[in-house]
Amino acid sequence: MSIKMYGIKNCDTIKKARTWLEGHGVAYDFHDYKASGIDRKSLESWVKEFGWETVLNRAGTTFKKLPDAEKEGLDAEKAITLMHAQPSMIKRPMLDLGSHRLVGFKPEAYEAAVPK
C-alpha cells in the first residue's frame, strides 16, 4: 500500500505528522501543494467524502485574509474553487491511505489507522 501525504512543507502540523510517520517507520510520499498545486478532482473527492466544512481550513491566515464578500455564501462549489486557487486553504495534512483518508493530524487517529 502506498501512503501519500498532502500538505505544505513548512506547516507546523505537517512537520508533526511527518515526524510521527517517520518515527513509526511508515513510508510515504509527500505532495506539496505550494510546489505542485492540487487537481480539482482530488478536492471534489475529498469534499464529497468529508464535507467542505472539514476540508476548508477556515482557521488559517489565507482564509482569514479573504475579503468578506468571498467568505459569504460558502457552499461546496465555492469552497472547492477557493481551495483550488489557493491550496493553503486546504486543511492539513490530508493523508491518503489508499482505502481511506485522514484529515488533520491527531496521533491517536494515526495510531489506529496507519498500518505498521
PDB file of N, CA and C in Angstrom:
ATOM      1  N   MET A   1       0.840  -1.175   0.000  1.00  0.00           N
ATOM      2  CA  MET A   1       0.000   0.000   0.000  1.00  0.00           C
ATOM      3  C   MET A   1       0.887   1.241   0.000  1.00  0.00           C
ATOM      4  N   SER A   2       0.514   2.187  -0.832  1.00  0.00           N
ATOM      5  CA  SER A   2       1.250   3.431  -0.918  1.00  0.00           C
ATOM      6  C   SER A   2       0.497   4.521  -0.149  1.00  0.00           C
ATOM      7  N   ILE A   3       1.192   5.175   0.759  1.00  0.00           N
ATOM      8  CA  ILE A   3       0.603   6.244   1.551  1.00  0.00           C
ATOM      9  C   ILE A   3       1.094   7.572   0.990  1.00  0.00           C
ATOM     10  N   LYS A   4       0.169   8.506   0.865  1.00  0.00           N
ATOM     11  CA  LYS A   4       0.544   9.820   0.344  1.00  0.00           C
ATOM     12  C   LYS A   4       0.018  10.896   1.285  1.00  0.00           C
ATOM     13  N   MET A   5       0.907  11.809   1.643  1.00  0.00           N
ATOM     14  CA  MET A   5       0.523  12.941   2.482  1.00  0.00           C
ATOM     15  C   MET A   5       0.498  14.186   1.602  1.00  0.00           C
ATOM     16  N   TYR A   6      -0.602  14.933   1.728  1.00  0.00           N
ATOM     17  CA  TYR A   6      -0.755  16.195   1.023  1.00  0.00           C
ATOM     18  C   TYR A   6      -0.656  17.322   2.034  1.00  0.00           C
ATOM     19  N   GLY A   7       0.083  18.367   1.681  1.00  0.00           N
ATOM     20  CA  GLY A   7       0.194  19.494   2.579  1.00  0.00           C
ATOM     21  C   GLY A   7       1.182  20.520   2.085  1.00  0.00           C
ATOM     22  N   ILE A   8       1.695  21.298   3.008  1.00  0.00           N
ATOM     23  CA  ILE A   8       2.676  22.341   2.732  1.00  0.00           C
ATOM     24  C   ILE A   8       3.887  22.077   3.615  1.00  0.00           C
ATOM     25  N   LYS A   9       5.030  22.010   2.983  1.00  0.00           N
ATOM     26  CA  LYS A   9       6.271  21.616   3.651  1.00  0.00           C
ATOM     27  C   LYS A   9       6.541  22.363   4.960  1.00  0.00           C
ATOM     28  N   ASN A  10       6.300  23.661   5.015  1.00  0.00           N
ATOM     29  CA  ASN A  10       6.658  24.449   6.187  1.00  0.00           C
ATOM     30  C   ASN A  10       5.575  24.540   7.253  1.00  0.00           C
ATOM     31  N   CYS A  11       4.464  23.853   7.069  1.00  0.00           N
ATOM     32  CA  CYS A  11       3.362  23.877   8.034  1.00  0.00           C
ATOM     33  C   CYS A  11       3.758  23.099   9.296  1.00  0.00           C
ATOM     34  N   ASP A  12       3.504  23.683  10.459  1.00  0.00           N
ATOM     35  CA  ASP A  12       3.857  23.030  11.728  1.00  0.00           C
ATOM     36  C   ASP A  12       3.118  21.705  11.917  1.00  0.00           C
ATOM     37  N   THR A  13       1.850  21.645  11.518  1.00  0.00           N
ATOM     38  CA  THR A  13       1.091  20.402  11.670  1.00  0.00           C
ATOM     39  C   THR A  13       1.642  19.323  10.745  1.00  0.00           C
ATOM     40  N   ILE A  14       2.050  19.718   9.555  1.00  0.00           N
ATOM     41  CA  ILE A  14       2.673  18.773   8.629  1.00  0.00           C
ATOM     42  C   ILE A  14       3.964  18.234   9.241  1.00  0.00           C
ATOM     43  N   LYS A  15       4.746  19.108   9.836  1.00  0.00           N
ATOM     44  CA  LYS A  15       6.001  18.680  10.453  1.00  0.00           C
ATOM     45  C   LYS A  15       5.733  17.649  11.555  1.00  0.00           C
ATOM     46  N   LYS A  16       4.696  17.867  12.365  1.00  0.00           N
ATOM     47  CA  LYS A  16       4.348  16.917  13.422  1.00  0.00           C
ATOM     48  C   LYS A  16       3.919  15.575  12.832  1.00  0.00           C
ATOM     49  N   ALA A  17       3.094  15.629  11.796  1.00  0.00           N
ATOM     50  CA  ALA A  17       2.614  14.392  11.166  1.00  0.00           C
ATOM     51  C   ALA A  17       3.763  13.636  10.506  1.00  0.00           C
ATOM     52  N   ARG A  18       4.643  14.345   9.844  1.00  0.00           N
ATOM     53  CA  ARG A  18       5.791  13.696   9.201  1.00  0.00           C
ATOM     54  C   ARG A  18       6.706  13.061  10.247  1.00  0.00           C
ATOM     55  N   THR A  19       6.919  13.774  11.341  1.00  0.00           N
ATOM     56  CA  THR A  19       7.745  13.240  12.426  1.00  0.00           C
ATOM     57  C   THR A  19       7.116  11.970  12.987  1.00  0.00           C
ATOM     58  N   TRP A  20       5.788  11.973  13.147  1.00  0.00           N
ATOM     59  CA  TRP A  20       5.093  10.796  13.659  1.00  0.00           C
ATOM     60  C   TRP A  20       5.283   9.625  12.707  1.00  0.00           C
ATOM     61  N   LEU A  21       5.027   9.843  11.412  1.00  0.00           N
ATOM     62  CA  LEU A  21       5.160   8.760  10.429  1.00  0.00           C
ATOM     63  C   LEU A  21       6.585   8.217  10.402  1.00  0.00           C
ATOM     64  N   GLU A  22       7.553   9.110  10.339  1.00  0.00           N
ATOM     65  CA  GLU A  22       8.952   8.676  10.284  1.00  0.00           C
ATOM     66  C   GLU A  22       9.363   7.967  11.568  1.00  0.00           C
ATOM     67  N   GLY A  23       8.884   8.446  12.707  1.00  0.00           N
ATOM     68  CA  GLY A  23       9.187   7.817  13.986  1.00  0.00           C
ATOM     69  C   GLY A  23       8.590   6.428  14.129  1.00  0.00           C
ATOM     70  N   HIS A  24       7.530   6.161  13.359  1.00  0.00           N
ATOM     71  CA  HIS A  24       6.884   4.843  13.370  1.00  0.00           C
ATOM     72  C   HIS A  24       7.288   3.992  12.168  1.00  0.00           C
ATOM     73  N   GLY A  25       8.306   4.448  11.438  1.00  0.00           N
ATOM     74  CA  GLY A  25       8.830   3.682  10.313  1.00  0.00           C
ATOM     75  C   GLY A  25       7.848   3.522   9.157  1.00  0.00           C
ATOM     76  N   VAL A  26       6.975   4.504   8.980  1.00  0.00           N
ATOM     77  CA  VAL A  26       5.967   4.431   7.923  1.00  0.00           C
ATOM     78  C   VAL A  26       6.471   5.185   6.690  1.00  0.00           C
ATOM     79  N   ALA A  27       6.574   4.478   5.578  1.00  0.00           N
ATOM     80  CA  ALA A  27       6.989   5.096   4.319  1.00  0.00           C
ATOM     81  C   ALA A  27       5.803   5.828   3.697  1.00  0.00           C
ATOM     82  N   TYR A  28       6.068   6.970   3.107  1.00  0.00           N
ATOM     83  CA  TYR A  28       5.005   7.750   2.483  1.00  0.00           C
ATOM     84  C   TYR A  28       5.606   8.675   1.431  1.00  0.00           C
ATOM     85  N   ASP A  29       4.772   9.104   0.512  1.00  0.00           N
ATOM     86  CA  ASP A  29       5.149  10.128  -0.454  1.00  0.00           C
ATOM     87  C   ASP A  29       4.526  11.437   0.007  1.00  0.00           C
ATOM     88  N   PHE A  30       5.210  12.545  -0.256  1.00  0.00           N
ATOM     89  CA  PHE A  30       4.699  13.841   0.151  1.00  0.00           C
ATOM     90  C   PHE A  30       4.382  14.692  -1.078  1.00  0.00           C
ATOM     91  N   HIS A  31       3.173  15.241  -1.100  1.00  0.00           N
ATOM     92  CA  HIS A  31       2.749  16.128  -2.177  1.00  0.00           C
ATOM     93  C   HIS A  31       2.598  17.525  -1.584  1.00  0.00           C
ATOM     94  N   ASP A  32       3.465  18.434  -2.020  1.00  0.00           N
ATOM     95  CA  ASP A  32       3.457  19.806  -1.519  1.00  0.00           C
ATOM     96  C   ASP A  32       2.560  20.663  -2.405  1.00  0.00           C
ATOM     97  N   TYR A  33       1.465  21.161  -1.826  1.00  0.00           N
ATOM     98  CA  TYR A  33       0.528  21.999  -2.580  1.00  0.00           C
ATOM     99  C   TYR A  33       1.217  23.235  -3.151  1.00  0.00           C
ATOM    100  N   LYS A  34       2.138  23.811  -2.406  1.00  0.00           N
ATOM    101  CA  LYS A  34       2.804  25.044  -2.849  1.00  0.00           C
ATOM    102  C   LYS A  34       3.646  24.782  -4.091  1.00  0.00           C
ATOM    103  N   ALA A  35       4.306  23.640  -4.131  1.00  0.00           N
ATOM    104  CA  ALA A  35       5.188  23.321  -5.251  1.00  0.00           C
ATOM    105  C   ALA A  35       4.439  22.712  -6.434  1.00  0.00           C
ATOM    106  N   SER A  36       3.425  21.889  -6.149  1.00  0.00           N
ATOM    107  CA  SER A  36       2.773  21.119  -7.213  1.00  0.00           C
ATOM    108  C   SER A  36       1.300  21.423  -7.417  1.00  0.00           C
ATOM    109  N   GLY A  37       0.718  22.279  -6.579  1.00  0.00           N
ATOM    110  CA  GLY A  37      -0.713  22.553  -6.701  1.00  0.00           C
ATOM    111  C   GLY A  37      -1.543  21.328  -6.334  1.00  0.00           C
ATOM    112  N   ILE A  38      -2.812  21.383  -6.661  1.00  0.00           N
ATOM    113  CA  ILE A  38      -3.714  20.249  -6.406  1.00  0.00           C
ATOM    114  C   ILE A  38      -4.761  20.250  -7.511  1.00  0.00           C
ATOM    115  N   ASP A  39      -5.120  19.070  -7.951  1.00  0.00           N
ATOM    116  CA  ASP A  39      -6.111  18.995  -9.015  1.00  0.00           C
ATOM    117  C   ASP A  39      -7.520  19.101  -8.436  1.00  0.00           C
ATOM    118  N   ARG A  40      -8.405  19.653  -9.220  1.00  0.00           N
ATOM    119  CA  ARG A  40      -9.781  19.887  -8.789  1.00  0.00           C
ATOM    120  C   ARG A  40     -10.491  18.569  -8.472  1.00  0.00           C
ATOM    121  N   LYS A  41     -10.168  17.521  -9.204  1.00  0.00           N
ATOM    122  CA  LYS A  41     -10.806  16.216  -8.988  1.00  0.00           C
ATOM    123  C   LYS A  41     -10.537  15.695  -7.569  1.00  0.00           C
ATOM    124  N   SER A  42      -9.315  15.856  -7.093  1.00  0.00           N
ATOM    125  CA  SER A  42      -8.989  15.429  -5.721  1.00  0.00           C
ATOM    126  C   SER A  42      -9.799  16.229  -4.715  1.00  0.00           C
ATOM    127  N   LEU A  43      -9.858  17.544  -4.902  1.00  0.00           N
ATOM    128  CA  LEU A  43     -10.636  18.391  -3.994  1.00  0.00           C
ATOM    129  C   LEU A  43     -12.098  17.978  -3.982  1.00  0.00           C
ATOM    130  N   GLU A  44     -12.663  17.734  -5.156  1.00  0.00           N
ATOM    131  CA  GLU A  44     -14.065  17.321  -5.239  1.00  0.00           C
ATOM    132  C   GLU A  44     -14.290  16.003  -4.501  1.00  0.00           C
ATOM    133  N   SER A  45     -13.359  15.082  -4.646  1.00  0.00           N
ATOM    134  CA  SER A  45     -13.447  13.786  -3.975  1.00  0.00           C
ATOM    135  C   SER A  45     -13.385  13.953  -2.455  1.00  0.00           C
ATOM    136  N   TRP A  46     -12.456  14.781  -1.972  1.00  0.00           N
ATOM    137  CA  TRP A  46     -12.304  14.998  -0.533  1.00  0.00           C
ATOM    138  C   TRP A  46     -13.538  15.682   0.048  1.00  0.00           C
ATOM    139  N   VAL A  47     -14.064  16.646  -0.682  1.00  0.00           N
ATOM    140  CA  VAL A  47     -15.262  17.353  -0.213  1.00  0.00           C
ATOM    141  C   VAL A  47     -16.455  16.409  -0.185  1.00  0.00           C
ATOM    142  N   LYS A  48     -16.530  15.533  -1.161  1.00  0.00           N
ATOM    143  CA  LYS A  48     -17.622  14.552  -1.174  1.00  0.00           C
ATOM    144  C   LYS A  48     -17.500  13.606   0.025  1.00  0.00           C
ATOM    145  N   GLU A  49     -16.289  13.203   0.349  1.00  0.00           N
ATOM    146  CA  GLU A  49     -16.054  12.262   1.446  1.00  0.00           C
ATOM    147  C   GLU A  49     -16.225  12.903   2.822  1.00  0.00           C
ATOM    148  N   PHE A  50     -15.688  14.115   3.013  1.00  0.00           N
ATOM    149  CA  PHE A  50     -15.640  14.723   4.342  1.00  0.00           C
ATOM    150  C   PHE A  50     -16.549  15.932   4.527  1.00  0.00           C
ATOM    151  N   GLY A  51     -17.004  16.514   3.428  1.00  0.00           N
ATOM    152  CA  GLY A  51     -17.752  17.772   3.503  1.00  0.00           C
ATOM    153  C   GLY A  51     -16.799  18.948   3.391  1.00  0.00           C
ATOM    154  N   TRP A  52     -17.231  19.992   2.720  1.00  0.00           N
ATOM    155  CA  TRP A  52     -16.355  21.152   2.522  1.00  0.00           C
ATOM    156  C   TRP A  52     -15.987  21.815   3.843  1.00  0.00           C
ATOM    157  N   GLU A  53     -16.874  21.718   4.829  1.00  0.00           N
ATOM    158  CA  GLU A  53     -16.628  22.355   6.112  1.00  0.00           C
ATOM    159  C   GLU A  53     -15.403  21.770   6.813  1.00  0.00           C
ATOM    160  N   THR A  54     -15.112  20.496   6.544  1.00  0.00           N
ATOM    161  CA  THR A  54     -13.941  19.839   7.127  1.00  0.00           C
ATOM    162  C   THR A  54     -12.684  20.108   6.310  1.00  0.00           C
ATOM    163  N   VAL A  55     -12.811  20.098   4.998  1.00  0.00           N
ATOM    164  CA  VAL A  55     -11.646  20.222   4.120  1.00  0.00           C
ATOM    165  C   VAL A  55     -11.137  21.656   4.037  1.00  0.00           C
ATOM    166  N   LEU A  56     -12.026  22.625   4.092  1.00  0.00           N
ATOM    167  CA  LEU A  56     -11.625  24.032   4.026  1.00  0.00           C
ATOM    168  C   LEU A  56     -11.101  24.488   5.382  1.00  0.00           C
ATOM    169  N   ASN A  57      -9.880  24.982   5.401  1.00  0.00           N
ATOM    170  CA  ASN A  57      -9.253  25.455   6.636  1.00  0.00           C
ATOM    171  C   ASN A  57      -9.629  26.919   6.876  1.00  0.00           C
ATOM    172  N   ARG A  58     -10.725  27.121   7.578  1.00  0.00           N
ATOM    173  CA  ARG A  58     -11.201  28.483   7.840  1.00  0.00           C
ATOM    174  C   ARG A  58     -10.438  29.152   8.976  1.00  0.00           C
ATOM    175  N   ALA A  59      -9.619  28.394   9.712  1.00  0.00           N
ATOM    176  CA  ALA A  59      -8.846  28.968  10.817  1.00  0.00           C
ATOM    177  C   ALA A  59      -7.511  29.536  10.350  1.00  0.00           C
ATOM    178  N   GLY A  60      -7.137  29.257   9.116  1.00  0.00           N
ATOM    179  CA  GLY A  60      -5.836  29.680   8.613  1.00  0.00           C
ATOM    180  C   GLY A  60      -5.801  31.122   8.153  1.00  0.00           C
ATOM    181  N   THR A  61      -4.593  31.658   8.083  1.00  0.00           N
ATOM    182  CA  THR A  61      -4.369  33.040   7.683  1.00  0.00           C
ATOM    183  C   THR A  61      -4.888  33.333   6.279  1.00  0.00           C
ATOM    184  N   THR A  62      -4.684  32.417   5.352  1.00  0.00           N
ATOM    185  CA  THR A  62      -5.101  32.652   3.962  1.00  0.00           C
ATOM    186  C   THR A  62      -6.598  32.886   3.880  1.00  0.00           C
ATOM    187  N   PHE A  63      -7.368  32.062   4.568  1.00  0.00           N
ATOM    188  CA  PHE A  63      -8.822  32.239   4.549  1.00  0.00           C
ATOM    189  C   PHE A  63      -9.210  33.526   5.272  1.00  0.00           C
ATOM    190  N   LYS A  64      -8.612  33.769   6.402  1.00  0.00           N
ATOM    191  CA  LYS A  64      -8.969  34.956   7.193  1.00  0.00           C
ATOM    192  C   LYS A  64      -8.693  36.257   6.444  1.00  0.00           C
ATOM    193  N   LYS A  65      -7.697  36.252   5.559  1.00  0.00           N
ATOM    194  CA  LYS A  65      -7.353  37.455   4.797  1.00  0.00           C
ATOM    195  C   LYS A  65      -8.271  37.693   3.603  1.00  0.00           C
ATOM    196  N   LEU A  66      -9.127  36.732   3.290  1.00  0.00           N
ATOM    197  CA  LEU A  66     -10.052  36.913   2.164  1.00  0.00           C
ATOM    198  C   LEU A  66     -11.005  38.070   2.441  1.00  0.00           C
ATOM    199  N   PRO A  67     -11.392  38.788   1.405  1.00  0.00           N
ATOM    200  CA  PRO A  67     -12.431  39.806   1.592  1.00  0.00           C
ATOM    201  C   PRO A  67     -13.724  39.130   2.062  1.00  0.00           C
ATOM    202  N   ASP A  68     -14.488  39.828   2.887  1.00  0.00           N
ATOM    203  CA  ASP A  68     -15.729  39.266   3.422  1.00  0.00           C
ATOM    204  C   ASP A  68     -16.651  38.758   2.322  1.00  0.00           C
ATOM    205  N   ALA A  69     -16.682  39.440   1.190  1.00  0.00           N
ATOM    206  CA  ALA A  69     -17.558  39.039   0.089  1.00  0.00           C
ATOM    207  C   ALA A  69     -17.231  37.622  -0.400  1.00  0.00           C
ATOM    208  N   GLU A  70     -15.952  37.245  -0.360  1.00  0.00           N
ATOM    209  CA  GLU A  70     -15.566  35.900  -0.805  1.00  0.00           C
ATOM    210  C   GLU A  70     -15.888  34.841   0.243  1.00  0.00           C
ATOM    211  N   LYS A  71     -16.024  35.235   1.499  1.00  0.00           N
ATOM    212  CA  LYS A  71     -16.342  34.299   2.571  1.00  0.00           C
ATOM    213  C   LYS A  71     -17.848  34.057   2.682  1.00  0.00           C
ATOM    214  N   GLU A  72     -18.630  34.965   2.137  1.00  0.00           N
ATOM    215  CA  GLU A  72     -20.088  34.861   2.243  1.00  0.00           C
ATOM    216  C   GLU A  72     -20.635  33.825   1.269  1.00  0.00           C
ATOM    217  N   GLY A  73     -21.718  33.188   1.687  1.00  0.00           N
ATOM    218  CA  GLY A  73     -22.406  32.239   0.819  1.00  0.00           C
ATOM    219  C   GLY A  73     -21.582  31.018   0.467  1.00  0.00           C
ATOM    220  N   LEU A  74     -20.741  30.591   1.385  1.00  0.00           N
ATOM    221  CA  LEU A  74     -19.909  29.417   1.100  1.00  0.00           C
ATOM    222  C   LEU A  74     -20.770  28.170   0.937  1.00  0.00           C
ATOM    223  N   ASP A  75     -20.422  27.408  -0.057  1.00  0.00           N
ATOM    224  CA  ASP A  75     -21.003  26.091  -0.275  1.00  0.00           C
ATOM    225  C   ASP A  75     -19.884  25.225  -0.843  1.00  0.00           C
ATOM    226  N   ALA A  76     -20.175  23.988  -1.169  1.00  0.00           N
ATOM    227  CA  ALA A  76     -19.138  23.064  -1.640  1.00  0.00           C
ATOM    228  C   ALA A  76     -18.429  23.603  -2.882  1.00  0.00           C
ATOM    229  N   GLU A  77     -19.190  24.079  -3.846  1.00  0.00           N
ATOM    230  CA  GLU A  77     -18.591  24.555  -5.104  1.00  0.00           C
ATOM    231  C   GLU A  77     -17.674  25.752  -4.868  1.00  0.00           C
ATOM    232  N   LYS A  78     -18.136  26.700  -4.079  1.00  0.00           N
ATOM    233  CA  LYS A  78     -17.333  27.890  -3.809  1.00  0.00           C
ATOM    234  C   LYS A  78     -16.083  27.525  -3.005  1.00  0.00           C
ATOM    235  N   ALA A  79     -16.216  26.619  -2.039  1.00  0.00           N
ATOM    236  CA  ALA A  79     -15.074  26.183  -1.236  1.00  0.00           C
ATOM    237  C   ALA A  79     -14.032  25.483  -2.115  1.00  0.00           C
ATOM    238  N   ILE A  80     -14.482  24.624  -3.010  1.00  0.00           N
ATOM    239  CA  ILE A  80     -13.554  23.927  -3.917  1.00  0.00           C
ATOM    240  C   ILE A  80     -12.815  24.937  -4.791  1.00  0.00           C
ATOM    241  N   THR A  81     -13.533  25.911  -5.307  1.00  0.00           N
ATOM    242  CA  THR A  81     -12.917  26.939  -6.151  1.00  0.00           C
ATOM    243  C   THR A  81     -11.861  27.719  -5.370  1.00  0.00           C
ATOM    244  N   LEU A  82     -12.181  28.094  -4.125  1.00  0.00           N
ATOM    245  CA  LEU A  82     -11.215  28.814  -3.284  1.00  0.00           C
ATOM    246  C   LEU A  82      -9.975  27.960  -3.010  1.00  0.00           C
ATOM    247  N   MET A  83     -10.175  26.706  -2.636  1.00  0.00           N
ATOM    248  CA  MET A  83      -9.047  25.824  -2.304  1.00  0.00           C
ATOM    249  C   MET A  83      -8.196  25.523  -3.532  1.00  0.00           C
ATOM    250  N   HIS A  84      -8.842  25.398  -4.688  1.00  0.00           N
ATOM    251  CA  HIS A  84      -8.099  25.125  -5.921  1.00  0.00           C
ATOM    252  C   HIS A  84      -7.217  26.318  -6.277  1.00  0.00           C
ATOM    253  N   ALA A  85      -7.753  27.526  -6.090  1.00  0.00           N
ATOM    254  CA  ALA A  85      -6.999  28.739  -6.400  1.00  0.00           C
ATOM    255  C   ALA A  85      -5.892  28.991  -5.372  1.00  0.00           C
ATOM    256  N   GLN A  86      -6.161  28.659  -4.110  1.00  0.00           N
ATOM    257  CA  GLN A  86      -5.199  28.907  -3.028  1.00  0.00           C
ATOM    258  C   GLN A  86      -5.125  27.669  -2.127  1.00  0.00           C
ATOM    259  N   PRO A  87      -4.305  26.695  -2.494  1.00  0.00           N
ATOM    260  CA  PRO A  87      -4.238  25.436  -1.743  1.00  0.00           C
ATOM    261  C   PRO A  87      -3.890  25.588  -0.267  1.00  0.00           C
ATOM    262  N   SER A  88      -3.388  26.738   0.149  1.00  0.00           N
ATOM    263  CA  SER A  88      -3.116  26.960   1.571  1.00  0.00           C
ATOM    264  C   SER A  88      -4.397  26.887   2.393  1.00  0.00           C
ATOM    265  N   MET A  89      -5.543  26.983   1.734  1.00  0.00           N
ATOM    266  CA  MET A  89      -6.827  26.927   2.437  1.00  0.00           C
ATOM    267  C   MET A  89      -7.311  25.499   2.678  1.00  0.00           C
ATOM    268  N   ILE A  90      -6.544  24.514   2.237  1.00  0.00           N
ATOM    269  CA  ILE A  90      -6.925  23.121   2.460  1.00  0.00           C
ATOM    270  C   ILE A  90      -6.415  22.695   3.831  1.00  0.00           C
ATOM    271  N   LYS A  91      -7.278  22.080   4.610  1.00  0.00           N
ATOM    272  CA  LYS A  91      -6.885  21.577   5.936  1.00  0.00           C
ATOM    273  C   LYS A  91      -5.724  20.601   5.761  1.00  0.00           C
ATOM    274  N   ARG A  92      -4.759  20.689   6.649  1.00  0.00           N
ATOM    275  CA  ARG A  92      -3.554  19.872   6.522  1.00  0.00           C
ATOM    276  C   ARG A  92      -3.326  19.042   7.780  1.00  0.00           C
ATOM    277  N   PRO A  93      -2.687  17.899   7.582  1.00  0.00           N
ATOM    278  CA  PRO A  93      -2.454  17.223   6.309  1.00  0.00           C
ATOM    279  C   PRO A  93      -3.687  16.433   5.863  1.00  0.00           C
ATOM    280  N   MET A  94      -3.666  16.059   4.615  1.00  0.00           N
ATOM    281  CA  MET A  94      -4.608  15.080   4.083  1.00  0.00           C
ATOM    282  C   MET A  94      -3.740  13.841   3.867  1.00  0.00           C
ATOM    283  N   LEU A  95      -4.045  12.790   4.584  1.00  0.00           N
ATOM    284  CA  LEU A  95      -3.261  11.563   4.484  1.00  0.00           C
ATOM    285  C   LEU A  95      -4.083  10.529   3.750  1.00  0.00           C
ATOM    286  N   ASP A  96      -3.612  10.140   2.578  1.00  0.00           N
ATOM    287  CA  ASP A  96      -4.317   9.161   1.749  1.00  0.00           C
ATOM    288  C   ASP A  96      -3.696   7.793   1.988  1.00  0.00           C
ATOM    289  N   LEU A  97      -4.483   6.923   2.597  1.00  0.00           N
ATOM    290  CA  LEU A  97      -4.020   5.572   2.927  1.00  0.00           C
ATOM    291  C   LEU A  97      -4.442   4.555   1.866  1.00  0.00           C
ATOM    292  N   GLY A  98      -4.993   5.031   0.768  1.00  0.00           N
ATOM    293  CA  GLY A  98      -5.451   4.130  -0.282  1.00  0.00           C
ATOM    294  C   GLY A  98      -6.920   3.792  -0.117  1.00  0.00           C
ATOM    295  N   SER A  99      -7.243   3.063   0.934  1.00  0.00           N
ATOM    296  CA  SER A  99      -8.624   2.654   1.174  1.00  0.00           C
ATOM    297  C   SER A  99      -9.440   3.751   1.859  1.00  0.00           C
ATOM    298  N   HIS A 100      -8.761   4.676   2.514  1.00  0.00           N
ATOM    299  CA  HIS A 100      -9.441   5.786   3.174  1.00  0.00           C
ATOM    300  C   HIS A 100      -8.441   6.903   3.446  1.00  0.00           C
ATOM    301  N   ARG A 101      -8.948   8.036   3.896  1.00  0.00           N
ATOM    302  CA  ARG A 101      -8.130   9.196   4.150  1.00  0.00           C
ATOM    303  C   ARG A 101      -8.355   9.728   5.572  1.00  0.00           C
ATOM    304  N   LEU A 102      -7.369  10.458   6.061  1.00  0.00           N
ATOM    305  CA  LEU A 102      -7.472  11.163   7.343  1.00  0.00           C
ATOM    306  C   LEU A 102      -7.217  12.641   7.069  1.00  0.00           C
ATOM    307  N   VAL A 103      -8.006  13.502   7.707  1.00  0.00           N
ATOM    308  CA  VAL A 103      -7.826  14.947   7.564  1.00  0.00           C
ATOM    309  C   VAL A 103      -7.309  15.485   8.886  1.00  0.00           C
ATOM    310  N   GLY A 104      -6.241  16.272   8.824  1.00  0.00           N
ATOM    311  CA  GLY A 104      -5.651  16.827  10.035  1.00  0.00           C
ATOM    312  C   GLY A 104      -4.725  15.800  10.684  1.00  0.00           C
ATOM    313  N   PHE A 105      -4.122  16.192  11.774  1.00  0.00           N
ATOM    314  CA  PHE A 105      -3.221  15.271  12.470  1.00  0.00           C
ATOM    315  C   PHE A 105      -3.616  15.137  13.927  1.00  0.00           C
ATOM    316  N   LYS A 106      -3.940  13.917  14.292  1.00  0.00           N
ATOM    317  CA  LYS A 106      -4.157  13.543  15.686  1.00  0.00           C
ATOM    318  C   LYS A 106      -3.403  12.230  15.865  1.00  0.00           C
ATOM    319  N   PRO A 107      -2.405  12.204  16.759  1.00  0.00           N
ATOM    320  CA  PRO A 107      -1.605  10.994  16.915  1.00  0.00           C
ATOM    321  C   PRO A 107      -2.447   9.741  17.137  1.00  0.00           C
ATOM    322  N   GLU A 108      -3.525   9.844  17.934  1.00  0.00           N
ATOM    323  CA  GLU A 108      -4.343   8.664  18.209  1.00  0.00           C
ATOM    324  C   GLU A 108      -5.059   8.165  16.949  1.00  0.00           C
ATOM    325  N   ALA A 109      -5.442   9.073  16.060  1.00  0.00           N
ATOM    326  CA  ALA A 109      -6.084   8.660  14.801  1.00  0.00           C
ATOM    327  C   ALA A 109      -5.074   7.978  13.891  1.00  0.00           C
ATOM    328  N   TYR A 110      -3.851   8.512  13.836  1.00  0.00           N
ATOM    329  CA  TYR A 110      -2.809   7.891  13.035  1.00  0.00           C
ATOM    330  C   TYR A 110      -2.475   6.506  13.596  1.00  0.00           C
ATOM    331  N   GLU A 111      -2.386   6.427  14.910  1.00  0.00           N
ATOM    332  CA  GLU A 111      -2.071   5.133  15.564  1.00  0.00           C
ATOM    333  C   GLU A 111      -3.090   4.073  15.191  1.00  0.00           C
ATOM    334  N   ALA A 112      -4.362   4.443  15.159  1.00  0.00           N
ATOM    335  CA  ALA A 112      -5.436   3.497  14.847  1.00  0.00           C
ATOM    336  C   ALA A 112      -5.515   3.149  13.368  1.00  0.00           C
ATOM    337  N   ALA A 113      -5.154   4.086  12.488  1.00  0.00           N
ATOM    338  CA  ALA A 113      -5.429   3.901  11.070  1.00  0.00           C
ATOM    339  C   ALA A 113      -4.226   3.549  10.194  1.00  0.00           C
ATOM    340  N   VAL A 114      -3.048   3.959  10.617  1.00  0.00           N
ATOM    341  CA  VAL A 114      -1.866   3.772   9.770  1.00  0.00           C
ATOM    342  C   VAL A 114      -1.271   2.389  10.004  1.00  0.00           C
ATOM    343  N   PRO A 115      -1.119   1.617   8.914  1.00  0.00           N
ATOM    344  CA  PRO A 115      -0.514   0.276   9.056  1.00  0.00           C
ATOM    345  C   PRO A 115       0.949   0.375   9.452  1.00  0.00           C
ATOM    346  N   LYS A 116       1.365  -0.542  10.276  1.00  0.00           N
ATOM    347  CA  LYS A 116       2.762  -0.560  10.747  1.00  0.00           C
ATOM    348  C   LYS A 116       3.592  -1.442   9.846  1.00  0.00           C
TER     349      LYS A 116
END
